[in-house]
Protein backbone atom coordinates (compact mmCIF):
# COMPACT_ATOMS: atom_id res chain seq x y z
CA MET A 1 31.64 -70.45 4.45
CA SER A 2 32.95 -70.88 0.91
CA TYR A 3 32.69 -68.13 -1.70
CA SER A 4 34.53 -69.91 -4.51
CA LYS A 5 31.48 -70.39 -6.71
CA PRO A 6 29.02 -67.53 -6.19
CA TYR A 7 25.60 -67.85 -7.76
CA ARG A 8 25.08 -65.16 -10.40
CA VAL A 9 21.60 -63.63 -10.57
CA LYS A 10 21.21 -62.08 -14.01
CA SER A 11 17.75 -60.53 -13.81
CA ILE A 12 15.27 -59.14 -11.33
CA SER A 13 12.81 -61.84 -12.42
CA GLU A 14 15.38 -64.49 -11.49
CA PHE A 15 15.87 -62.84 -8.12
CA HIS A 16 12.12 -62.94 -7.46
CA LYS A 17 12.03 -66.62 -8.37
CA LEU A 18 14.99 -67.36 -6.12
CA ARG A 19 13.20 -65.72 -3.19
CA GLY A 20 9.85 -67.37 -3.89
CA LEU A 21 8.21 -64.10 -4.90
CA PRO A 22 5.66 -63.48 -7.67
CA LYS A 23 6.97 -62.36 -11.04
CA PRO A 24 7.91 -58.64 -10.87
CA GLU A 25 5.46 -56.18 -12.36
CA HIS A 26 8.33 -54.27 -13.99
CA PRO A 27 11.25 -56.28 -15.41
CA LEU A 28 13.88 -53.62 -14.61
CA VAL A 29 12.72 -52.13 -11.27
CA SER A 30 11.30 -53.82 -8.20
CA VAL A 31 10.51 -52.86 -4.62
CA ILE A 32 10.33 -55.85 -2.27
CA ASN A 33 8.78 -55.89 1.19
CA LEU A 34 10.90 -58.34 3.17
CA ASP A 35 7.88 -59.35 5.22
CA ASP A 36 7.03 -61.40 2.12
CA VAL A 37 10.40 -63.16 2.04
CA GLN A 38 11.59 -66.10 4.09
CA ILE A 39 15.13 -67.46 4.10
CA SER A 40 15.42 -71.14 4.76
CA PRO A 41 18.57 -72.59 6.36
CA HIS A 42 18.46 -75.21 3.61
CA GLY A 43 19.04 -74.63 -0.09
CA GLU A 44 20.26 -71.03 0.21
CA PRO A 45 23.12 -70.16 -2.21
CA GLN A 46 26.19 -69.50 -0.09
CA SER A 47 27.18 -66.40 -2.02
CA LEU A 48 25.52 -64.32 -4.71
CA ILE A 49 26.42 -61.85 -7.43
CA LEU A 50 23.65 -59.58 -8.66
CA GLU A 51 23.82 -58.02 -12.12
CA PHE A 52 21.76 -55.04 -10.93
CA TYR A 53 21.79 -52.45 -8.15
CA SER A 54 20.33 -53.28 -4.76
CA ILE A 55 19.47 -50.69 -2.09
CA SER A 56 18.22 -52.21 1.15
CA ILE A 57 16.92 -51.43 4.61
CA LYS A 58 16.96 -54.60 6.65
CA ARG A 59 16.39 -56.11 10.04
CA CYS A 60 17.23 -59.80 9.78
CA LEU A 61 16.83 -61.86 12.92
CA LEU A 62 18.98 -65.00 13.13
CA THR A 63 20.84 -63.98 9.97
CA LYS A 64 24.39 -62.85 9.23
CA PHE A 65 25.30 -61.01 6.05
CA LYS A 66 28.78 -60.83 4.56
CA TYR A 67 29.64 -58.26 1.91
CA GLY A 68 33.27 -57.90 0.86
CA GLN A 69 35.26 -58.53 4.02
CA GLN A 70 32.68 -57.18 6.45
CA GLU A 71 30.05 -59.06 8.48
CA TYR A 72 26.86 -57.45 9.71
CA ASP A 73 24.05 -58.56 11.91
CA PHE A 74 20.71 -56.95 11.27
CA ASP A 75 19.12 -56.82 14.70
CA GLU A 76 19.35 -53.05 14.20
CA GLY A 77 18.00 -51.38 11.09
CA VAL A 78 20.72 -50.65 8.57
CA MET A 79 20.84 -49.48 4.99
CA PHE A 80 23.40 -50.69 2.52
CA PHE A 81 24.14 -50.63 -1.19
CA ILE A 82 25.27 -53.27 -3.65
CA ALA A 83 26.47 -52.46 -7.16
CA PRO A 84 26.31 -54.92 -10.07
CA GLY A 85 28.99 -57.58 -9.97
CA GLN A 86 29.74 -57.49 -6.23
CA VAL A 87 29.73 -60.65 -4.14
CA PHE A 88 27.73 -61.03 -0.95
CA ALA A 89 26.58 -63.94 1.19
CA ILE A 90 23.80 -64.73 3.65
CA GLU A 91 24.27 -67.14 6.53
CA VAL A 92 21.28 -68.32 8.56
CA GLN A 93 22.20 -68.71 12.21
CA SER A 94 19.37 -71.03 13.24
CA GLU A 95 17.71 -74.21 12.06
CA VAL A 96 14.38 -72.43 12.24
CA GLN A 97 13.30 -70.33 9.29
CA ALA A 98 14.85 -66.87 9.50
CA LYS A 99 12.53 -63.87 9.50
CA ARG A 100 13.51 -60.56 7.97
CA SER A 101 11.86 -57.20 7.80
CA GLY A 102 12.60 -54.16 5.70
CA TRP A 103 12.58 -53.10 2.07
CA VAL A 104 14.76 -53.70 -0.98
CA LEU A 105 14.89 -51.63 -4.15
CA LEU A 106 16.32 -53.42 -7.20
CA ILE A 107 17.36 -51.39 -10.26
CA HIS A 108 18.68 -53.01 -13.42
CA PRO A 109 21.29 -50.86 -15.24
CA ASP A 110 19.21 -51.12 -18.43
CA PHE A 111 16.50 -49.03 -16.74
CA LEU A 112 18.96 -46.13 -16.49
CA TRP A 113 19.93 -45.97 -20.15
CA ASN A 114 19.55 -42.55 -21.76
CA THR A 115 19.32 -40.85 -18.36
CA ALA A 116 21.85 -38.73 -16.47
CA LEU A 117 21.63 -41.20 -13.58
CA ALA A 118 23.24 -43.92 -15.72
CA LYS A 119 26.55 -42.11 -15.26
CA SER A 120 26.05 -40.31 -11.95
CA ILE A 121 25.01 -43.43 -9.99
CA LYS A 122 28.59 -44.69 -10.34
CA GLN A 123 29.87 -41.59 -8.56
CA TYR A 124 28.05 -42.30 -5.30
CA GLU A 125 30.86 -43.60 -3.13
CA TYR A 126 28.63 -45.47 -0.69
CA PHE A 127 28.32 -48.29 -3.21
CA ASP A 128 31.97 -48.79 -2.12
CA TYR A 129 31.41 -47.69 1.49
CA ALA A 130 28.93 -50.50 2.01
CA VAL A 131 31.75 -53.01 1.67
CA ASN A 132 32.94 -51.93 5.10
CA GLU A 133 30.34 -49.68 6.66
CA ALA A 134 26.58 -50.03 6.56
CA LEU A 135 24.45 -46.93 7.10
CA PHE A 136 22.59 -46.77 10.42
CA LEU A 137 19.33 -44.81 10.24
CA SER A 138 17.21 -42.95 12.73
CA GLU A 139 13.48 -43.68 12.69
CA LYS A 140 12.83 -40.46 10.78
CA GLU A 141 15.52 -41.23 8.21
CA GLU A 142 14.22 -44.76 7.75
CA ALA A 143 10.69 -43.43 7.25
CA ASN A 144 11.95 -41.08 4.52
CA VAL A 145 13.69 -43.90 2.67
CA VAL A 146 10.78 -46.33 2.98
CA GLY A 147 8.41 -43.60 1.78
CA ILE A 148 10.46 -43.09 -1.37
CA MET A 149 10.59 -46.83 -2.05
CA GLN A 150 6.84 -47.05 -1.62
CA ASN A 151 6.37 -44.16 -4.07
CA ILE A 152 8.37 -46.13 -6.64
CA LEU A 153 6.24 -49.20 -5.92
CA LEU A 154 3.04 -47.22 -6.41
CA GLU A 155 4.31 -45.72 -9.65
CA TYR A 156 5.02 -48.98 -11.41
CA HIS A 157 1.82 -50.48 -9.96
CA SER A 158 -0.02 -47.78 -11.89
CA ASN A 159 -0.47 -47.84 -15.62
CA ILE A 160 2.95 -47.43 -17.24
CA ASP A 161 3.09 -44.37 -19.50
CA LYS A 162 5.70 -42.06 -21.01
CA PHE A 163 6.19 -40.29 -17.64
CA SER A 164 6.74 -43.43 -15.56
CA GLN A 165 10.48 -43.79 -16.08
CA ALA A 166 11.18 -40.11 -15.42
CA ILE A 167 9.13 -40.18 -12.20
CA ILE A 168 10.84 -43.34 -10.94
CA ILE A 169 14.29 -41.97 -11.87
CA ALA A 170 13.52 -38.78 -9.93
CA GLN A 171 12.57 -40.86 -6.87
CA ILE A 172 15.77 -42.90 -7.14
CA GLU A 173 17.85 -39.70 -7.36
CA LEU A 174 16.09 -38.34 -4.29
CA LEU A 175 16.81 -41.56 -2.40
CA LEU A 176 20.50 -41.44 -3.33
CA THR A 177 20.73 -37.79 -2.27
CA TYR A 178 19.22 -38.62 1.12
CA ALA A 179 21.71 -41.46 1.49
CA GLU A 180 24.57 -39.06 0.73
CA ARG A 181 23.31 -36.77 3.52
CA PHE A 182 22.95 -39.70 5.95
CA TYR A 183 26.48 -40.90 5.29
CA GLN A 184 27.90 -37.44 5.93
CA ARG A 185 25.96 -37.36 9.18
CA GLN A 186 27.28 -40.79 10.12
CA PHE A 187 30.87 -39.77 9.44
CA ILE A 188 30.50 -36.86 11.84
CA THR A 189 28.48 -38.53 14.61
CA ARG A 190 30.19 -41.92 14.83
CA LYS A 191 33.25 -40.31 16.38
CA ILE A 192 34.57 -43.28 18.33
CA THR A 193 34.70 -45.55 15.27
CA ASN A 194 36.03 -42.78 13.09
CA HIS A 195 38.74 -41.83 15.55
CA GLN A 196 39.76 -45.48 15.82
CA VAL A 197 40.34 -45.41 12.06
CA LEU A 198 42.39 -42.23 12.46
CA ASN A 199 44.46 -43.82 15.24
CA ARG A 200 45.07 -46.93 13.16
CA LEU A 201 46.04 -44.78 10.17
CA GLU A 202 48.53 -42.86 12.30
CA GLU A 203 50.02 -46.07 13.69
CA LEU A 204 50.25 -47.60 10.22
CA LEU A 205 51.98 -44.56 8.71
CA ASN A 206 54.36 -44.28 11.65
CA ALA A 207 55.35 -47.94 11.35
CA TYR A 208 55.83 -47.64 7.59
CA PHE A 209 57.88 -44.45 7.77
CA ASP A 210 60.02 -45.75 10.64
CA SER A 211 60.89 -48.96 8.77
CA ASP A 212 62.97 -49.67 5.68
CA GLU A 213 59.82 -49.90 3.55
CA LEU A 214 60.04 -46.25 2.54
CA SER A 215 63.54 -46.46 1.07
CA LEU A 216 62.88 -49.87 -0.50
CA LYS A 217 59.39 -49.38 -1.91
CA GLY A 218 58.73 -45.65 -1.89
CA LEU A 219 55.59 -44.00 -0.60
CA PRO A 220 52.71 -46.30 0.36
CA SER A 221 49.81 -46.13 -2.08
CA VAL A 222 46.29 -45.19 -1.05
CA GLN A 223 45.24 -48.73 -2.02
CA TYR A 224 47.89 -50.19 0.29
CA ILE A 225 46.76 -48.05 3.21
CA ALA A 226 43.08 -48.82 2.63
CA GLU A 227 43.69 -52.56 2.44
CA ALA A 228 45.78 -52.49 5.61
CA LEU A 229 42.90 -50.72 7.40
CA ASN A 230 40.34 -53.09 5.84
CA VAL A 231 38.32 -50.30 4.23
CA SER A 232 37.79 -49.22 0.64
CA PRO A 233 39.99 -46.40 -0.74
CA ASN A 234 36.95 -44.18 -1.42
CA TYR A 235 35.55 -44.78 2.05
CA LEU A 236 38.85 -43.92 3.72
CA SER A 237 39.42 -40.74 1.73
CA GLY A 238 35.81 -39.67 2.25
CA LEU A 239 36.04 -40.22 5.99
CA LEU A 240 39.37 -38.43 6.32
CA LYS A 241 38.14 -35.51 4.23
CA VAL A 242 35.18 -35.01 6.56
CA LEU A 243 37.15 -35.43 9.79
CA THR A 244 40.44 -33.73 8.91
CA GLY A 245 39.92 -31.88 5.63
CA LEU A 246 42.66 -34.00 4.00
CA THR A 247 42.44 -36.97 1.66
CA THR A 248 44.42 -40.16 2.27
CA GLN A 249 47.04 -39.04 -0.26
CA GLN A 250 47.40 -35.72 1.55
CA HIS A 251 47.85 -37.55 4.88
CA ILE A 252 50.65 -39.61 3.33
CA HIS A 253 52.32 -36.45 2.02
CA GLU A 254 51.95 -34.71 5.39
CA LYS A 255 53.65 -37.65 7.09
CA LEU A 256 56.44 -37.56 4.50
CA ILE A 257 57.04 -33.84 5.09
CA THR A 258 57.09 -34.39 8.86
CA LYS A 259 59.68 -37.16 8.46
CA ALA A 260 61.73 -34.98 6.09
CA LYS A 261 61.73 -32.07 8.54
CA GLU A 262 62.79 -34.42 11.31
CA LYS A 263 65.77 -35.68 9.33
CA LEU A 264 66.74 -32.20 8.15
CA SER A 265 66.67 -30.73 11.65
CA THR A 266 68.03 -33.58 13.78
CA THR A 267 70.58 -35.40 11.58
CA GLU A 268 73.65 -34.50 9.58
CA LEU A 269 72.59 -36.54 6.56
CA THR A 270 73.04 -34.81 3.23
CA ILE A 271 69.98 -33.74 1.22
CA SER A 272 70.68 -36.58 -1.22
CA GLU A 273 70.89 -39.16 1.58
CA ILE A 274 67.63 -37.95 3.06
CA ALA A 275 65.97 -38.06 -0.35
CA TYR A 276 67.01 -41.70 -0.87
CA GLU A 277 65.91 -42.69 2.64
CA LEU A 278 62.51 -41.16 1.95
CA GLY A 279 62.08 -43.23 -1.21
CA PHE A 280 62.96 -40.64 -3.86
CA GLU A 281 65.05 -41.87 -6.78
CA HIS A 282 66.41 -38.39 -7.49
CA PRO A 283 67.31 -35.70 -4.92
CA GLN A 284 65.90 -33.05 -7.26
CA SER A 285 62.47 -34.68 -7.04
CA PHE A 286 62.63 -34.56 -3.25
CA SER A 287 63.70 -30.91 -3.25
CA LYS A 288 60.90 -29.95 -5.62
CA PHE A 289 58.30 -31.86 -3.56
CA PHE A 290 59.53 -30.34 -0.27
CA LYS A 291 59.49 -26.79 -1.64
CA THR A 292 55.99 -27.26 -3.08
CA LYS A 293 54.70 -28.29 0.33
CA THR A 294 56.65 -25.90 2.58
CA LEU A 295 57.66 -23.00 0.28
CA LEU A 296 61.26 -23.63 1.39
CA SER A 297 63.99 -25.74 -0.15
CA PRO A 298 65.34 -28.54 2.08
CA LEU A 299 68.60 -26.61 2.44
CA ALA A 300 66.81 -23.38 3.39
CA PHE A 301 64.74 -25.27 5.97
CA ARG A 302 67.88 -26.79 7.48
CA GLN A 303 69.68 -23.45 7.57
CA SER A 304 66.78 -21.84 9.42
CA PHE A 305 67.86 -23.81 12.49
CA ASN A 306 71.36 -22.34 12.46
């Protein structure tokens, strides 16, 4: 599948037209029941960019969905989030017309102007998480989300008045708060997947610190680690914080201190030589870093073994 020329959807009205739906009742907010949408294996844009937020619960038989570097099938109900400007693609797996079920909430950024949500919506990390991990819902959780979407639908179906935007914004904020809770639950309960990430992180850091990369390039960045693990930086730090209490950066520093202690206690290298091997340009920087983390200077740590 080629993603070189994604189709950019600039408005919710254009999205409705693309999906063969009636014109939206509100130009900046729309709730779509996927029972009303059919995806044909012919004429479907290979990849899309939306210029608005999309929050979805989907079950899509005979359909694959690719967002970032991650592929999902939707035989199970999942919830995921797309921010404006992100690329995704839909691939129909059968010559017959694909059937989907679920709900989609579309929110144009213009609808959020002059509200606190205009800024705070960018702080919800699951708009990054979705690139690599969709949110799996229980029946009760799914019912909560669908109920909120239906409340939004009912509100803009009613006569629009000066309270309409505030009521819809409040419903969106409630939905995002529920999603935050669900993601925290998923981090904790999906232990096998999470621990696989931890194991891969440990293997990656061990390989990096045991190679010449450290002395040649310095400490690995959080971005480097995240890309190597095929997850977003925010997702990785969020997951590690829940499971271990440490961010990715703190894990890197912990590994550096472990390697420093190993060299100080098992080799006769000078403090300067150890500093250079660990990627520090100046021994003083290494000494300061080590003392900040351990409350001992490198020399004092080494002497404690004598």
